[in-house]
N, C-alpha and C. Protein backbone atom coordinates (compact mmCIF):
# COMPACT_ATOMS: atom_id res chain seq x y z
N ILE A 1 13.06 35.15 -52.39
CA ILE A 1 13.10 36.59 -52.62
C ILE A 1 11.67 37.09 -52.86
N ILE A 2 10.94 36.39 -53.73
CA ILE A 2 9.57 36.82 -54.02
C ILE A 2 8.73 36.80 -52.74
N GLY A 3 8.89 35.72 -51.94
CA GLY A 3 8.16 35.62 -50.69
C GLY A 3 8.49 36.76 -49.75
N MET A 4 9.77 37.15 -49.70
CA MET A 4 10.16 38.26 -48.84
C MET A 4 9.55 39.57 -49.34
N MET A 5 9.47 39.72 -50.66
CA MET A 5 8.88 40.94 -51.21
C MET A 5 7.39 41.01 -50.88
N VAL A 6 6.71 39.86 -51.02
CA VAL A 6 5.28 39.83 -50.68
C VAL A 6 5.08 40.10 -49.20
N GLN A 7 5.91 39.47 -48.36
CA GLN A 7 5.80 39.67 -46.93
C GLN A 7 6.09 41.13 -46.57
N ASP A 8 7.05 41.73 -47.24
CA ASP A 8 7.38 43.13 -46.99
C ASP A 8 6.21 44.02 -47.38
N GLY A 9 5.58 43.70 -48.51
CA GLY A 9 4.45 44.51 -48.96
C GLY A 9 3.23 44.38 -48.06
N LEU A 10 3.05 43.22 -47.47
CA LEU A 10 1.86 42.99 -46.65
C LEU A 10 2.05 43.33 -45.19
N THR A 11 3.26 43.16 -44.67
CA THR A 11 3.47 43.39 -43.23
C THR A 11 4.34 44.60 -42.94
N GLY A 12 5.00 45.13 -43.97
CA GLY A 12 5.84 46.30 -43.76
C GLY A 12 7.30 45.98 -43.54
N SER A 13 7.66 44.69 -43.52
CA SER A 13 9.04 44.29 -43.33
C SER A 13 9.25 42.90 -43.93
N ALA A 14 10.42 42.69 -44.53
CA ALA A 14 10.72 41.39 -45.10
C ALA A 14 10.76 40.32 -44.03
N TRP A 15 11.05 40.72 -42.81
CA TRP A 15 11.06 39.78 -41.69
C TRP A 15 9.86 40.03 -40.78
N GLY A 16 8.81 40.65 -41.36
CA GLY A 16 7.66 41.08 -40.58
C GLY A 16 6.84 39.93 -40.01
N ASP A 17 6.07 40.28 -39.03
CA ASP A 17 5.19 39.33 -38.37
C ASP A 17 3.88 39.26 -39.15
N TRP A 18 3.47 38.05 -39.53
CA TRP A 18 2.22 37.89 -40.29
C TRP A 18 1.02 38.35 -39.46
N ALA A 19 1.16 38.43 -38.17
CA ALA A 19 0.07 38.91 -37.33
C ALA A 19 -0.27 40.38 -37.64
N LEU A 20 0.69 41.11 -38.25
CA LEU A 20 0.46 42.50 -38.61
C LEU A 20 -0.43 42.64 -39.84
N TYR A 21 -0.56 41.57 -40.62
CA TYR A 21 -1.36 41.62 -41.84
C TYR A 21 -2.80 41.31 -41.49
N THR A 22 -3.54 42.36 -41.16
CA THR A 22 -4.90 42.20 -40.67
C THR A 22 -5.95 42.41 -41.76
N ASP A 23 -5.54 42.76 -42.98
CA ASP A 23 -6.51 43.02 -44.05
C ASP A 23 -6.96 41.76 -44.77
N SER A 24 -6.35 40.63 -44.48
CA SER A 24 -6.70 39.40 -45.19
C SER A 24 -8.10 38.94 -44.83
N PRO A 25 -8.93 38.60 -45.85
CA PRO A 25 -10.25 38.04 -45.53
C PRO A 25 -10.15 36.68 -44.84
N LEU A 26 -8.99 36.03 -44.92
CA LEU A 26 -8.81 34.74 -44.25
C LEU A 26 -8.86 34.90 -42.73
N ARG A 27 -8.60 36.10 -42.24
CA ARG A 27 -8.65 36.34 -40.80
C ARG A 27 -10.04 36.05 -40.24
N ALA A 28 -11.05 36.14 -41.08
CA ALA A 28 -12.42 35.91 -40.62
C ALA A 28 -12.62 34.48 -40.14
N PHE A 29 -11.76 33.55 -40.58
CA PHE A 29 -11.97 32.14 -40.28
C PHE A 29 -10.86 31.52 -39.43
N GLU A 30 -9.94 32.32 -38.93
CA GLU A 30 -8.81 31.78 -38.17
C GLU A 30 -9.21 31.23 -36.81
N SER A 31 -10.35 31.64 -36.29
CA SER A 31 -10.75 31.16 -34.97
C SER A 31 -11.84 30.08 -35.07
N GLU A 32 -12.13 29.61 -36.26
CA GLU A 32 -13.16 28.60 -36.45
C GLU A 32 -12.67 27.23 -35.98
N LEU A 33 -13.62 26.33 -35.73
CA LEU A 33 -13.27 24.95 -35.43
C LEU A 33 -12.52 24.35 -36.61
N GLY A 34 -11.62 23.45 -36.32
CA GLY A 34 -10.87 22.78 -37.38
C GLY A 34 -9.56 23.46 -37.73
N VAL A 35 -9.34 24.66 -37.20
CA VAL A 35 -8.06 25.35 -37.41
C VAL A 35 -7.12 24.82 -36.34
N GLN A 36 -6.23 23.92 -36.75
CA GLN A 36 -5.40 23.21 -35.78
C GLN A 36 -3.93 23.28 -36.16
N ALA A 37 -3.10 23.23 -35.14
CA ALA A 37 -1.64 23.20 -35.36
C ALA A 37 -1.28 21.86 -36.00
N PRO A 38 -0.25 21.76 -36.75
CA PRO A 38 0.71 22.80 -37.08
C PRO A 38 0.33 23.62 -38.31
N VAL A 39 -0.75 23.25 -39.00
CA VAL A 39 -1.07 23.90 -40.27
C VAL A 39 -1.78 25.23 -40.07
N GLY A 40 -2.65 25.33 -39.05
CA GLY A 40 -3.44 26.53 -38.88
C GLY A 40 -4.58 26.53 -39.88
N PHE A 41 -5.02 27.72 -40.28
CA PHE A 41 -6.09 27.80 -41.28
C PHE A 41 -5.48 27.52 -42.64
N TRP A 42 -5.97 26.49 -43.29
CA TRP A 42 -5.37 26.03 -44.54
C TRP A 42 -6.42 26.04 -45.63
N ASP A 43 -6.21 26.84 -46.64
CA ASP A 43 -7.13 26.94 -47.77
C ASP A 43 -6.30 27.10 -49.04
N PRO A 44 -5.67 26.01 -49.50
CA PRO A 44 -4.77 26.13 -50.65
C PRO A 44 -5.47 26.51 -51.95
N MET A 45 -6.76 26.22 -52.08
CA MET A 45 -7.49 26.55 -53.30
C MET A 45 -8.08 27.95 -53.26
N GLY A 46 -8.01 28.60 -52.13
CA GLY A 46 -8.50 29.98 -52.01
C GLY A 46 -10.02 30.11 -52.01
N PHE A 47 -10.73 29.09 -51.54
CA PHE A 47 -12.18 29.14 -51.52
C PHE A 47 -12.72 30.23 -50.60
N THR A 48 -11.96 30.60 -49.57
CA THR A 48 -12.46 31.56 -48.60
C THR A 48 -11.87 32.95 -48.77
N LYS A 49 -11.17 33.18 -49.86
CA LYS A 49 -10.49 34.47 -50.01
C LYS A 49 -11.46 35.64 -50.12
N ASP A 50 -12.72 35.37 -50.46
CA ASP A 50 -13.70 36.46 -50.53
C ASP A 50 -14.32 36.77 -49.17
N GLY A 51 -14.06 35.91 -48.16
CA GLY A 51 -14.57 36.16 -46.81
C GLY A 51 -16.06 35.91 -46.65
N ASP A 52 -16.68 35.17 -47.56
CA ASP A 52 -18.11 34.89 -47.52
C ASP A 52 -18.41 33.88 -46.41
N VAL A 53 -19.04 34.35 -45.33
CA VAL A 53 -19.30 33.52 -44.16
C VAL A 53 -20.32 32.43 -44.48
N ASP A 54 -21.35 32.74 -45.26
CA ASP A 54 -22.37 31.74 -45.59
C ASP A 54 -21.78 30.60 -46.41
N ALA A 55 -20.92 30.93 -47.37
CA ALA A 55 -20.27 29.89 -48.17
C ALA A 55 -19.35 29.05 -47.30
N PHE A 56 -18.66 29.69 -46.35
CA PHE A 56 -17.79 28.94 -45.44
C PHE A 56 -18.61 27.96 -44.60
N LYS A 57 -19.75 28.42 -44.06
CA LYS A 57 -20.59 27.54 -43.24
C LYS A 57 -21.11 26.36 -44.07
N ARG A 58 -21.50 26.62 -45.32
CA ARG A 58 -21.98 25.54 -46.18
C ARG A 58 -20.89 24.52 -46.45
N ARG A 59 -19.68 25.01 -46.70
CA ARG A 59 -18.55 24.08 -46.94
C ARG A 59 -18.18 23.31 -45.67
N ARG A 60 -18.25 23.96 -44.52
CA ARG A 60 -17.95 23.28 -43.27
C ARG A 60 -19.01 22.21 -42.99
N GLU A 61 -20.28 22.53 -43.26
CA GLU A 61 -21.36 21.55 -43.11
C GLU A 61 -21.08 20.33 -44.00
N SER A 62 -20.67 20.59 -45.24
CA SER A 62 -20.35 19.49 -46.16
C SER A 62 -19.15 18.69 -45.67
N GLU A 63 -18.14 19.38 -45.15
CA GLU A 63 -16.95 18.69 -44.64
C GLU A 63 -17.31 17.78 -43.48
N LEU A 64 -18.13 18.27 -42.56
CA LEU A 64 -18.55 17.46 -41.42
C LEU A 64 -19.36 16.25 -41.87
N LYS A 65 -20.29 16.47 -42.80
CA LYS A 65 -21.14 15.38 -43.25
C LYS A 65 -20.31 14.33 -43.97
N HIS A 66 -19.42 14.76 -44.86
CA HIS A 66 -18.55 13.81 -45.56
C HIS A 66 -17.62 13.08 -44.60
N GLY A 67 -17.11 13.81 -43.60
CA GLY A 67 -16.24 13.18 -42.61
C GLY A 67 -16.96 12.13 -41.80
N ARG A 68 -18.20 12.42 -41.41
CA ARG A 68 -18.97 11.45 -40.63
C ARG A 68 -19.27 10.20 -41.46
N VAL A 69 -19.66 10.41 -42.71
CA VAL A 69 -19.92 9.26 -43.59
C VAL A 69 -18.64 8.46 -43.81
N ALA A 70 -17.52 9.15 -44.00
CA ALA A 70 -16.24 8.47 -44.23
C ALA A 70 -15.80 7.67 -43.00
N MET A 71 -16.09 8.18 -41.79
CA MET A 71 -15.74 7.41 -40.59
C MET A 71 -16.55 6.12 -40.53
N PHE A 72 -17.86 6.22 -40.83
CA PHE A 72 -18.68 5.01 -40.88
C PHE A 72 -18.20 4.06 -41.97
N ALA A 73 -17.87 4.61 -43.14
CA ALA A 73 -17.43 3.77 -44.26
C ALA A 73 -16.12 3.06 -43.95
N THR A 74 -15.21 3.76 -43.30
CA THR A 74 -13.93 3.16 -42.94
C THR A 74 -14.13 2.00 -41.98
N MET A 75 -14.96 2.21 -40.97
CA MET A 75 -15.25 1.12 -40.03
C MET A 75 -15.99 -0.02 -40.74
N GLY A 76 -16.91 0.35 -41.63
CA GLY A 76 -17.65 -0.66 -42.37
C GLY A 76 -16.80 -1.45 -43.34
N TYR A 77 -15.67 -0.89 -43.70
CA TYR A 77 -14.75 -1.59 -44.60
C TYR A 77 -13.87 -2.57 -43.82
N ILE A 78 -13.53 -2.21 -42.59
CA ILE A 78 -12.62 -3.03 -41.79
C ILE A 78 -13.35 -4.14 -41.03
N VAL A 79 -14.47 -3.81 -40.39
CA VAL A 79 -15.16 -4.75 -39.50
C VAL A 79 -15.52 -6.07 -40.18
N PRO A 80 -16.06 -6.09 -41.41
CA PRO A 80 -16.43 -7.38 -42.02
C PRO A 80 -15.26 -8.34 -42.24
N GLU A 81 -14.04 -7.84 -42.14
CA GLU A 81 -12.89 -8.74 -42.24
C GLU A 81 -12.77 -9.61 -41.00
N TYR A 82 -13.36 -9.15 -39.89
CA TYR A 82 -13.23 -9.85 -38.62
C TYR A 82 -14.56 -10.35 -38.05
N PHE A 83 -15.66 -9.79 -38.52
CA PHE A 83 -16.97 -10.18 -37.97
C PHE A 83 -18.04 -10.02 -39.04
N LYS A 84 -18.93 -11.01 -39.13
CA LYS A 84 -20.12 -10.91 -39.98
C LYS A 84 -21.31 -11.39 -39.18
N PHE A 85 -22.45 -10.76 -39.43
CA PHE A 85 -23.67 -11.17 -38.74
C PHE A 85 -24.03 -12.60 -39.11
N PRO A 86 -24.57 -13.33 -38.17
CA PRO A 86 -25.09 -14.66 -38.52
C PRO A 86 -26.42 -14.51 -39.26
N GLY A 87 -26.83 -15.52 -39.95
CA GLY A 87 -28.14 -15.51 -40.59
C GLY A 87 -28.12 -15.00 -42.01
N TYR A 88 -29.29 -14.61 -42.47
CA TYR A 88 -29.49 -14.27 -43.88
C TYR A 88 -29.59 -12.77 -44.11
N LEU A 89 -28.90 -12.31 -45.14
CA LEU A 89 -29.04 -10.94 -45.62
C LEU A 89 -30.34 -10.83 -46.42
N SER A 90 -30.60 -11.85 -47.23
CA SER A 90 -31.83 -11.91 -48.03
C SER A 90 -32.38 -13.32 -47.97
N PRO A 91 -33.33 -13.57 -47.06
CA PRO A 91 -33.89 -14.92 -46.95
C PRO A 91 -34.55 -15.39 -48.25
N SER A 92 -35.20 -14.47 -48.97
CA SER A 92 -35.89 -14.87 -50.19
C SER A 92 -34.93 -15.34 -51.27
N LEU A 93 -33.70 -14.83 -51.25
CA LEU A 93 -32.69 -15.25 -52.22
C LEU A 93 -31.73 -16.29 -51.65
N GLY A 94 -31.90 -16.62 -50.37
CA GLY A 94 -31.00 -17.58 -49.73
C GLY A 94 -29.59 -17.05 -49.58
N LEU A 95 -29.44 -15.72 -49.47
CA LEU A 95 -28.12 -15.08 -49.38
C LEU A 95 -27.79 -14.82 -47.91
N LYS A 96 -26.75 -15.47 -47.42
CA LYS A 96 -26.30 -15.27 -46.04
C LYS A 96 -25.29 -14.12 -45.97
N PHE A 97 -25.18 -13.52 -44.80
CA PHE A 97 -24.18 -12.48 -44.59
C PHE A 97 -22.78 -13.03 -44.87
N ALA A 98 -22.54 -14.28 -44.48
CA ALA A 98 -21.23 -14.90 -44.68
C ALA A 98 -20.90 -15.08 -46.16
N ASP A 99 -21.92 -15.09 -47.03
CA ASP A 99 -21.69 -15.27 -48.47
C ASP A 99 -21.30 -13.98 -49.18
N VAL A 100 -21.47 -12.87 -48.51
CA VAL A 100 -21.16 -11.57 -49.14
C VAL A 100 -19.68 -11.29 -48.97
N PRO A 101 -18.96 -11.09 -50.09
CA PRO A 101 -17.53 -10.79 -49.98
C PRO A 101 -17.30 -9.40 -49.40
N ASN A 102 -16.10 -9.15 -48.98
CA ASN A 102 -15.75 -7.85 -48.42
C ASN A 102 -15.31 -6.90 -49.52
N GLY A 103 -15.33 -5.62 -49.19
CA GLY A 103 -14.83 -4.61 -50.10
C GLY A 103 -15.76 -4.33 -51.26
N LEU A 104 -15.17 -3.92 -52.37
CA LEU A 104 -15.94 -3.53 -53.55
C LEU A 104 -16.73 -4.68 -54.16
N ALA A 105 -16.30 -5.91 -53.94
CA ALA A 105 -17.00 -7.07 -54.49
C ALA A 105 -18.39 -7.22 -53.89
N ALA A 106 -18.64 -6.64 -52.74
CA ALA A 106 -19.96 -6.74 -52.09
C ALA A 106 -21.03 -5.99 -52.88
N ILE A 107 -20.62 -4.98 -53.64
CA ILE A 107 -21.59 -4.16 -54.37
C ILE A 107 -22.45 -5.01 -55.30
N SER A 108 -21.83 -5.94 -55.98
CA SER A 108 -22.58 -6.76 -56.95
C SER A 108 -23.35 -7.90 -56.29
N LYS A 109 -23.06 -8.23 -55.04
CA LYS A 109 -23.71 -9.35 -54.37
C LYS A 109 -24.97 -8.96 -53.60
N VAL A 110 -25.00 -7.73 -53.09
CA VAL A 110 -26.16 -7.28 -52.32
C VAL A 110 -27.30 -7.01 -53.30
N PRO A 111 -28.50 -7.55 -53.03
CA PRO A 111 -29.64 -7.33 -53.93
C PRO A 111 -30.00 -5.85 -54.07
N GLY A 112 -30.57 -5.50 -55.19
CA GLY A 112 -30.95 -4.11 -55.46
C GLY A 112 -31.89 -3.52 -54.43
N LEU A 113 -32.84 -4.33 -53.94
CA LEU A 113 -33.75 -3.84 -52.90
C LEU A 113 -33.01 -3.56 -51.59
N GLY A 114 -31.93 -4.30 -51.35
CA GLY A 114 -31.11 -4.02 -50.16
C GLY A 114 -30.46 -2.65 -50.25
N TRP A 115 -29.93 -2.33 -51.44
CA TRP A 115 -29.34 -1.00 -51.63
C TRP A 115 -30.40 0.08 -51.55
N ALA A 116 -31.58 -0.20 -52.10
CA ALA A 116 -32.68 0.77 -52.04
C ALA A 116 -33.06 1.07 -50.58
N GLN A 117 -33.08 0.04 -49.74
CA GLN A 117 -33.37 0.25 -48.32
C GLN A 117 -32.34 1.16 -47.68
N TRP A 118 -31.07 0.97 -48.02
CA TRP A 118 -30.02 1.81 -47.45
C TRP A 118 -30.17 3.26 -47.91
N PHE A 119 -30.43 3.47 -49.19
CA PHE A 119 -30.59 4.84 -49.68
C PHE A 119 -31.79 5.52 -49.04
N ILE A 120 -32.89 4.80 -48.87
CA ILE A 120 -34.07 5.38 -48.24
C ILE A 120 -33.77 5.70 -46.77
N PHE A 121 -33.12 4.77 -46.07
CA PHE A 121 -32.78 5.00 -44.67
C PHE A 121 -31.87 6.23 -44.53
N CYS A 122 -30.81 6.28 -45.33
CA CYS A 122 -29.88 7.43 -45.25
C CYS A 122 -30.58 8.73 -45.61
N GLY A 123 -31.48 8.69 -46.60
CA GLY A 123 -32.22 9.89 -46.97
C GLY A 123 -33.12 10.38 -45.84
N LEU A 124 -33.78 9.44 -45.18
CA LEU A 124 -34.65 9.81 -44.06
C LEU A 124 -33.84 10.41 -42.91
N VAL A 125 -32.69 9.84 -42.63
CA VAL A 125 -31.83 10.39 -41.57
C VAL A 125 -31.34 11.78 -41.95
N ASP A 126 -30.88 11.92 -43.20
CA ASP A 126 -30.30 13.18 -43.65
C ASP A 126 -31.35 14.29 -43.74
N PHE A 127 -32.50 13.98 -44.30
CA PHE A 127 -33.51 15.01 -44.53
C PHE A 127 -34.55 15.11 -43.41
N GLY A 128 -34.57 14.14 -42.52
CA GLY A 128 -35.53 14.17 -41.44
C GLY A 128 -34.91 14.50 -40.11
N LEU A 129 -34.03 13.64 -39.64
CA LEU A 129 -33.44 13.80 -38.31
C LEU A 129 -32.39 14.90 -38.28
N TYR A 130 -31.53 14.96 -39.27
CA TYR A 130 -30.41 15.90 -39.27
C TYR A 130 -30.64 17.03 -40.27
N ARG A 131 -31.59 17.90 -39.97
CA ARG A 131 -31.86 19.05 -40.81
C ARG A 131 -30.95 20.20 -40.39
N ALA A 132 -30.28 20.81 -41.36
CA ALA A 132 -29.40 21.94 -41.07
C ALA A 132 -30.25 23.15 -40.68
N ASP A 133 -29.81 23.83 -39.65
CA ASP A 133 -30.48 25.03 -39.17
C ASP A 133 -29.48 26.18 -39.28
N PRO A 134 -29.77 27.18 -40.12
CA PRO A 134 -28.82 28.29 -40.30
C PRO A 134 -28.48 29.03 -39.01
N ALA A 135 -29.36 28.94 -38.01
CA ALA A 135 -29.11 29.63 -36.74
C ALA A 135 -28.10 28.87 -35.87
N ARG A 136 -27.81 27.61 -36.22
CA ARG A 136 -26.90 26.79 -35.42
C ARG A 136 -25.57 26.65 -36.16
N ALA A 137 -24.57 26.20 -35.43
CA ALA A 137 -23.25 25.98 -36.03
C ALA A 137 -23.34 24.84 -37.04
N PRO A 138 -22.47 24.84 -38.05
CA PRO A 138 -22.50 23.75 -39.04
C PRO A 138 -22.35 22.39 -38.36
N GLY A 139 -23.20 21.45 -38.74
CA GLY A 139 -23.13 20.10 -38.18
C GLY A 139 -23.78 19.95 -36.82
N ASP A 140 -24.31 21.04 -36.26
CA ASP A 140 -24.96 21.00 -34.95
C ASP A 140 -26.47 20.91 -35.20
N TYR A 141 -27.03 19.72 -35.01
CA TYR A 141 -28.43 19.49 -35.32
C TYR A 141 -29.25 19.48 -34.04
N ALA A 142 -30.45 20.08 -34.10
CA ALA A 142 -31.31 20.16 -32.93
C ALA A 142 -31.66 18.76 -32.41
N ASN A 143 -31.84 17.80 -33.30
CA ASN A 143 -32.20 16.44 -32.89
C ASN A 143 -30.98 15.56 -32.65
N GLY A 144 -29.80 16.11 -32.80
CA GLY A 144 -28.60 15.30 -32.81
C GLY A 144 -28.07 14.86 -31.47
N GLY A 145 -28.38 15.55 -30.40
CA GLY A 145 -27.82 15.18 -29.11
C GLY A 145 -26.34 15.51 -29.05
N ILE A 146 -25.64 14.92 -28.09
CA ILE A 146 -24.21 15.20 -27.93
C ILE A 146 -23.44 14.58 -29.08
N LEU A 147 -22.71 15.40 -29.79
CA LEU A 147 -21.85 14.98 -30.90
C LEU A 147 -22.60 14.16 -31.96
N GLY A 148 -23.87 14.52 -32.22
CA GLY A 148 -24.62 13.89 -33.30
C GLY A 148 -25.29 12.59 -32.97
N VAL A 149 -25.19 12.14 -31.73
CA VAL A 149 -25.85 10.89 -31.34
C VAL A 149 -27.30 11.23 -31.00
N PRO A 150 -28.27 10.69 -31.76
CA PRO A 150 -29.67 11.08 -31.54
C PRO A 150 -30.28 10.42 -30.31
N ASN A 151 -29.89 10.87 -29.16
CA ASN A 151 -30.41 10.28 -27.92
C ASN A 151 -31.02 11.33 -27.00
N ALA A 152 -31.36 12.48 -27.56
CA ALA A 152 -32.01 13.57 -26.80
C ALA A 152 -31.18 14.00 -25.60
N SER A 153 -29.84 13.89 -25.69
CA SER A 153 -28.99 14.25 -24.57
C SER A 153 -28.70 15.74 -24.52
N GLY A 154 -29.05 16.48 -25.56
CA GLY A 154 -28.83 17.91 -25.56
C GLY A 154 -27.37 18.27 -25.76
N PRO A 155 -27.07 19.57 -25.87
CA PRO A 155 -25.69 20.00 -26.09
C PRO A 155 -24.83 19.81 -24.85
N MET A 156 -23.53 19.69 -25.08
CA MET A 156 -22.59 19.56 -23.96
C MET A 156 -22.52 20.89 -23.22
N SER A 157 -22.50 20.84 -21.91
CA SER A 157 -22.44 22.06 -21.11
C SER A 157 -21.00 22.58 -20.98
N ASP A 158 -20.03 21.69 -21.08
CA ASP A 158 -18.62 22.08 -20.98
C ASP A 158 -18.15 22.59 -22.34
N GLU A 159 -18.08 23.92 -22.50
CA GLU A 159 -17.75 24.51 -23.80
C GLU A 159 -16.35 24.13 -24.28
N GLU A 160 -15.38 24.13 -23.37
CA GLU A 160 -14.01 23.79 -23.76
C GLU A 160 -13.92 22.32 -24.20
N GLY A 161 -14.57 21.44 -23.45
CA GLY A 161 -14.60 20.03 -23.82
C GLY A 161 -15.32 19.82 -25.14
N ARG A 162 -16.41 20.57 -25.36
CA ARG A 162 -17.16 20.47 -26.61
C ARG A 162 -16.29 20.88 -27.79
N LYS A 163 -15.57 22.00 -27.64
CA LYS A 163 -14.72 22.48 -28.72
C LYS A 163 -13.63 21.46 -29.04
N LYS A 164 -13.04 20.86 -28.00
CA LYS A 164 -12.00 19.85 -28.21
C LYS A 164 -12.56 18.65 -28.96
N LYS A 165 -13.76 18.20 -28.58
CA LYS A 165 -14.35 17.02 -29.23
C LYS A 165 -14.75 17.33 -30.67
N LEU A 166 -15.26 18.54 -30.91
CA LEU A 166 -15.63 18.91 -32.28
C LEU A 166 -14.38 19.04 -33.16
N ASN A 167 -13.30 19.57 -32.61
CA ASN A 167 -12.04 19.62 -33.37
C ASN A 167 -11.54 18.22 -33.67
N SER A 168 -11.67 17.33 -32.69
CA SER A 168 -11.27 15.93 -32.92
C SER A 168 -12.12 15.30 -34.00
N GLU A 169 -13.43 15.59 -33.99
CA GLU A 169 -14.31 15.04 -35.02
C GLU A 169 -13.90 15.51 -36.41
N LEU A 170 -13.57 16.79 -36.54
CA LEU A 170 -13.13 17.31 -37.84
C LEU A 170 -11.84 16.64 -38.28
N ALA A 171 -10.87 16.53 -37.37
CA ALA A 171 -9.59 15.91 -37.72
C ALA A 171 -9.77 14.44 -38.08
N ASN A 172 -10.57 13.71 -37.30
CA ASN A 172 -10.81 12.30 -37.59
C ASN A 172 -11.58 12.12 -38.89
N GLY A 173 -12.53 13.02 -39.15
CA GLY A 173 -13.27 12.96 -40.40
C GLY A 173 -12.38 13.20 -41.60
N ARG A 174 -11.45 14.15 -41.47
CA ARG A 174 -10.51 14.40 -42.57
C ARG A 174 -9.64 13.18 -42.82
N LEU A 175 -9.16 12.57 -41.74
CA LEU A 175 -8.34 11.38 -41.89
C LEU A 175 -9.15 10.24 -42.50
N ALA A 176 -10.40 10.08 -42.07
CA ALA A 176 -11.25 9.01 -42.59
C ALA A 176 -11.54 9.19 -44.08
N MET A 177 -11.69 10.44 -44.53
CA MET A 177 -11.91 10.67 -45.96
C MET A 177 -10.72 10.20 -46.78
N VAL A 178 -9.52 10.47 -46.28
CA VAL A 178 -8.32 9.99 -46.97
C VAL A 178 -8.22 8.48 -46.86
N ALA A 179 -8.54 7.93 -45.68
CA ALA A 179 -8.42 6.49 -45.45
C ALA A 179 -9.35 5.68 -46.34
N ILE A 180 -10.62 6.08 -46.44
CA ILE A 180 -11.56 5.29 -47.24
C ILE A 180 -11.20 5.38 -48.72
N MET A 181 -10.71 6.52 -49.17
CA MET A 181 -10.29 6.62 -50.57
C MET A 181 -9.08 5.72 -50.82
N GLY A 182 -8.15 5.67 -49.88
CA GLY A 182 -7.00 4.77 -50.01
C GLY A 182 -7.42 3.31 -50.03
N MET A 183 -8.37 2.94 -49.16
CA MET A 183 -8.84 1.56 -49.13
C MET A 183 -9.55 1.19 -50.43
N LEU A 184 -10.41 2.08 -50.91
CA LEU A 184 -11.12 1.81 -52.16
C LEU A 184 -10.14 1.69 -53.33
N PHE A 185 -9.16 2.58 -53.36
CA PHE A 185 -8.17 2.53 -54.44
C PHE A 185 -7.36 1.24 -54.38
N GLN A 186 -6.91 0.87 -53.19
CA GLN A 186 -6.12 -0.36 -53.06
C GLN A 186 -6.96 -1.58 -53.40
N ASN A 187 -8.22 -1.60 -52.94
CA ASN A 187 -9.10 -2.72 -53.24
C ASN A 187 -9.36 -2.81 -54.74
N GLY A 188 -9.58 -1.68 -55.37
CA GLY A 188 -9.80 -1.66 -56.81
C GLY A 188 -8.57 -2.06 -57.60
N THR A 189 -7.39 -1.72 -57.09
CA THR A 189 -6.14 -2.05 -57.77
C THR A 189 -5.74 -3.50 -57.54
N MET A 190 -5.82 -3.95 -56.28
CA MET A 190 -5.40 -5.31 -55.93
C MET A 190 -6.50 -6.33 -56.19
N GLY A 191 -7.75 -5.88 -56.18
CA GLY A 191 -8.87 -6.77 -56.43
C GLY A 191 -9.31 -7.58 -55.23
N ASP A 192 -8.73 -7.35 -54.07
CA ASP A 192 -9.09 -8.12 -52.90
C ASP A 192 -8.91 -7.27 -51.66
N ALA A 193 -10.00 -7.11 -50.88
CA ALA A 193 -9.92 -6.26 -49.69
C ALA A 193 -9.04 -6.87 -48.61
N SER A 194 -9.01 -8.18 -48.50
CA SER A 194 -8.27 -8.83 -47.40
C SER A 194 -6.77 -8.65 -47.52
N SER A 195 -6.25 -8.33 -48.71
CA SER A 195 -4.81 -8.13 -48.85
C SER A 195 -4.32 -6.92 -48.06
N MET A 196 -5.24 -6.00 -47.74
CA MET A 196 -4.86 -4.83 -46.96
C MET A 196 -4.54 -5.17 -45.53
N TRP A 197 -5.18 -6.20 -45.01
CA TRP A 197 -5.06 -6.52 -43.60
C TRP A 197 -4.15 -7.71 -43.36
N GLY A 198 -3.53 -8.21 -44.39
CA GLY A 198 -2.60 -9.33 -44.25
C GLY A 198 -3.31 -10.62 -43.90
N LEU A 199 -4.55 -10.76 -44.33
CA LEU A 199 -5.32 -11.98 -44.04
C LEU A 199 -5.20 -12.99 -45.17
């Protein structure tokens, strides 16, 4: 009943078409990338209700960046169960790649300088190669090449194909964010990463 009253007030009829409600600031973002069926534009916390385009672009940039990192993290969580590099991770400590456990247990085994190298590398990539440009779409970096691969390949010329791939990237990134959190939670609860894969 309440929903019908709200719909009546906003569209002019209890059975009204939501397309008639054009005053919503959410309309500003209905045609953006990532608005996909069956949910459509979904903002349950109301972050975009003020219609601030700059805040939306900043949040989309963050979503893309977190999604990309989560996709790498998810693959990085699964691959060591099936493959490890030969040789030494730290020759000075006599630590082989094969000696490093999988999952959360690896955090305590990798030397501090190894983690420092990763943070420096990621910082250089983030602040050097992938600099956000307000004139470009969120996540679209001048040095990024096609879909963020830094190979100087330039933007895709097929606009429809580009939009489809960018929508796929957003959807896969969202799934990867949920997946890596589930893996970390299960690993932290069960205490062993291999139990997830039935190994």
